Amino acid sequence: MAAAVAAPAVTAQPAAVAATALGTAEAGQFPNSSLYVGDLEHNVNEGQLFDLFSQVAQVVSIRVCRDQARRASLGYAYVNFSNPQDGNFFSPFIRFFGSCF
């Protein structure tokens, strides 16, 4: 059983939108899902998000979007899953448990 991970804090109710991109095996693409997570504190990093989301689903990659010049967080991130249903799974929970993120 994985140890509980402290969830990153946010300034407001986070926004979450799951976008599914379905490819075809013939084209060398595989189904994946990308989850937008917004309203993050500026000190939240990729490691914290990975620890949190990987407890429930297989995470392919995470990108905290940053200012190009200062490298400061812009307050949102994308979490990419290998299974399209995984991204859709999180949307209602993030909206309901917004104060936990």
C-alpha atoms as a PDB file:
ATOM      1  CA  MET A   1       0.000   0.000   0.000  1.00  0.00           C
ATOM      2  CA  ALA A   2       1.454   3.381  -0.940  1.00  0.00           C
ATOM      3  CA  ALA A   3       2.027   5.941   1.763  1.00  0.00           C
ATOM      4  CA  ALA A   4      -0.294   8.919   1.802  1.00  0.00           C
ATOM      5  CA  VAL A   5       1.096  11.917  -0.036  1.00  0.00           C
ATOM      6  CA  ALA A   6       0.366  15.472   1.003  1.00  0.00           C
ATOM      7  CA  ALA A   7      -1.546  17.059  -1.825  1.00  0.00           C
ATOM      8  CA  PRO A   8      -0.277  20.330  -3.302  1.00  0.00           C
ATOM      9  CA  ALA A   9      -2.174  23.402  -2.163  1.00  0.00           C
ATOM     10  CA  VAL A  10      -4.092  25.711  -4.478  1.00  0.00           C
ATOM     11  CA  THR A  11      -5.381  29.217  -4.154  1.00  0.00           C
ATOM     12  CA  ALA A  12      -8.871  28.379  -5.412  1.00  0.00           C
ATOM     13  CA  GLN A  13     -10.997  25.524  -6.692  1.00  0.00           C
ATOM     14  CA  PRO A  14      -8.808  23.818  -9.306  1.00  0.00           C
ATOM     15  CA  ALA A  15     -10.066  23.389 -12.794  1.00  0.00           C
ATOM     16  CA  ALA A  16      -9.757  20.008 -14.427  1.00  0.00           C
ATOM     17  CA  VAL A  17     -10.526  19.124 -17.985  1.00  0.00           C
ATOM     18  CA  ALA A  18      -9.792  15.730 -19.498  1.00  0.00           C
ATOM     19  CA  ALA A  19      -9.043  15.623 -23.187  1.00  0.00           C
ATOM     20  CA  THR A  20      -8.832  12.296 -24.942  1.00  0.00           C
ATOM     21  CA  ALA A  21      -6.781  11.885 -28.078  1.00  0.00           C
ATOM     22  CA  LEU A  22      -7.436   8.614 -29.827  1.00  0.00           C
ATOM     23  CA  GLY A  23      -4.970   7.467 -32.445  1.00  0.00           C
ATOM     24  CA  THR A  24      -4.797   4.383 -34.556  1.00  0.00           C
ATOM     25  CA  ALA A  25      -2.370   1.524 -34.176  1.00  0.00           C
ATOM     26  CA  GLU A  26      -1.654   1.661 -37.914  1.00  0.00           C
ATOM     27  CA  ALA A  27      -0.355   5.213 -37.589  1.00  0.00           C
ATOM     28  CA  GLY A  28       1.865   4.213 -34.661  1.00  0.00           C
ATOM     29  CA  GLN A  29      -0.238   6.168 -32.181  1.00  0.00           C
ATOM     30  CA  PHE A  30      -1.884   4.831 -29.065  1.00  0.00           C
ATOM     31  CA  PRO A  31      -4.833   6.119 -27.054  1.00  0.00           C
ATOM     32  CA  ASN A  32      -3.847   8.587 -24.350  1.00  0.00           C
ATOM     33  CA  SER A  33      -5.458  11.152 -22.120  1.00  0.00           C
ATOM     34  CA  SER A  34      -4.341  14.560 -20.915  1.00  0.00           C
ATOM     35  CA  LEU A  35      -5.744  16.158 -17.767  1.00  0.00           C
ATOM     36  CA  TYR A  36      -5.529  19.937 -17.285  1.00  0.00           C
ATOM     37  CA  VAL A  37      -5.050  20.876 -13.624  1.00  0.00           C
ATOM     38  CA  GLY A  38      -5.367  24.591 -12.890  1.00  0.00           C
ATOM     39  CA  ASP A  39      -5.277  27.052 -10.010  1.00  0.00           C
ATOM     40  CA  LEU A  40      -2.113  25.496  -8.578  1.00  0.00           C
ATOM     41  CA  GLU A  41       0.092  27.243  -6.061  1.00  0.00           C
ATOM     42  CA  HIS A  42       3.260  28.492  -7.715  1.00  0.00           C
ATOM     43  CA  ASN A  43       5.421  26.173  -5.601  1.00  0.00           C
ATOM     44  CA  VAL A  44       3.731  22.956  -6.839  1.00  0.00           C
ATOM     45  CA  ASN A  45       6.138  20.881  -8.929  1.00  0.00           C
ATOM     46  CA  GLU A  46       6.025  17.858 -11.222  1.00  0.00           C
ATOM     47  CA  GLY A  47       7.168  15.477  -8.487  1.00  0.00           C
ATOM     48  CA  GLN A  48       4.285  16.394  -6.187  1.00  0.00           C
ATOM     49  CA  LEU A  49       1.737  15.937  -8.950  1.00  0.00           C
ATOM     50  CA  PHE A  50       3.294  12.639 -10.011  1.00  0.00           C
ATOM     51  CA  ASP A  51       3.178  11.320  -6.445  1.00  0.00           C
ATOM     52  CA  LEU A  52      -0.461  12.304  -6.150  1.00  0.00           C
ATOM     53  CA  PHE A  53      -1.862  11.103  -9.494  1.00  0.00           C
ATOM     54  CA  SER A  54       0.256   7.947  -9.808  1.00  0.00           C
ATOM     55  CA  GLN A  55      -1.415   6.552  -6.686  1.00  0.00           C
ATOM     56  CA  VAL A  56      -4.543   5.947  -8.767  1.00  0.00           C
ATOM     57  CA  ALA A  57      -3.475   5.647 -12.410  1.00  0.00           C
ATOM     58  CA  GLN A  58      -0.418   5.092 -14.591  1.00  0.00           C
ATOM     59  CA  VAL A  59       1.073   8.514 -15.333  1.00  0.00           C
ATOM     60  CA  VAL A  60       3.005   8.874 -18.601  1.00  0.00           C
ATOM     61  CA  SER A  61       4.235  12.434 -18.060  1.00  0.00           C
ATOM     62  CA  ILE A  62       3.537  15.666 -16.219  1.00  0.00           C
ATOM     63  CA  ARG A  63       4.265  19.214 -17.289  1.00  0.00           C
ATOM     64  CA  VAL A  64       3.927  22.211 -15.016  1.00  0.00           C
ATOM     65  CA  CYS A  65       3.715  25.155 -17.396  1.00  0.00           C
ATOM     66  CA  ARG A  66       6.288  27.845 -16.682  1.00  0.00           C
ATOM     67  CA  ASP A  67       7.201  31.357 -17.751  1.00  0.00           C
ATOM     68  CA  GLN A  68       9.968  31.083 -20.388  1.00  0.00           C
ATOM     69  CA  ALA A  69      12.115  33.883 -19.004  1.00  0.00           C
ATOM     70  CA  ARG A  70      11.820  33.375 -15.230  1.00  0.00           C
ATOM     71  CA  ARG A  71      10.913  29.639 -15.225  1.00  0.00           C
ATOM     72  CA  ALA A  72       8.259  30.478 -12.605  1.00  0.00           C
ATOM     73  CA  SER A  73       5.120  28.338 -12.550  1.00  0.00           C
ATOM     74  CA  LEU A  74       2.087  29.747 -14.352  1.00  0.00           C
ATOM     75  CA  GLY A  75      -0.226  27.917 -11.941  1.00  0.00           C
ATOM     76  CA  TYR A  76      -1.396  25.086 -14.175  1.00  0.00           C
ATOM     77  CA  ALA A  77      -0.171  21.709 -15.386  1.00  0.00           C
ATOM     78  CA  TYR A  78      -0.969  18.828 -17.712  1.00  0.00           C
ATOM     79  CA  VAL A  79      -0.967  15.233 -16.460  1.00  0.00           C
ATOM     80  CA  ASN A  80      -0.797  12.634 -19.237  1.00  0.00           C
ATOM     81  CA  PHE A  81      -2.128   9.110 -18.782  1.00  0.00           C
ATOM     82  CA  SER A  82      -1.692   6.054 -20.990  1.00  0.00           C
ATOM     83  CA  ASN A  83      -5.371   5.110 -20.666  1.00  0.00           C
ATOM     84  CA  PRO A  84      -8.073   7.590 -21.803  1.00  0.00           C
ATOM     85  CA  GLN A  85     -10.428   6.550 -18.992  1.00  0.00           C
ATOM     86  CA  ASP A  86      -7.858   7.558 -16.356  1.00  0.00           C
ATOM     87  CA  GLY A  87      -8.008  11.242 -17.258  1.00  0.00           C
ATOM     88  CA  ASN A  88     -11.795  11.204 -17.362  1.00  0.00           C
ATOM     89  CA  PHE A  89     -11.835   9.452 -13.985  1.00  0.00           C
ATOM     90  CA  PHE A  90     -10.203  12.407 -12.172  1.00  0.00           C
ATOM     91  CA  SER A  91     -12.356  15.297 -13.413  1.00  0.00           C
ATOM     92  CA  PRO A  92     -15.293  14.937 -10.971  1.00  0.00           C
ATOM     93  CA  PHE A  93     -12.973  14.293  -8.023  1.00  0.00           C
ATOM     94  CA  ILE A  94     -10.865  17.374  -8.617  1.00  0.00           C
ATOM     95  CA  ARG A  95     -13.950  19.555  -8.816  1.00  0.00           C
ATOM     96  CA  PHE A  96     -15.479  17.984  -5.695  1.00  0.00           C
ATOM     97  CA  PHE A  97     -12.299  17.874  -3.587  1.00  0.00           C
ATOM     98  CA  GLY A  98     -10.884  21.181  -4.799  1.00  0.00           C
ATOM     99  CA  SER A  99      -9.806  22.279  -1.344  1.00  0.00           C
ATOM    100  CA  CYS A 100      -7.518  19.227  -1.093  1.00  0.00           C
ATOM    101  CA  PHE A 101      -5.365  20.193  -4.086  1.00  0.00           C
END
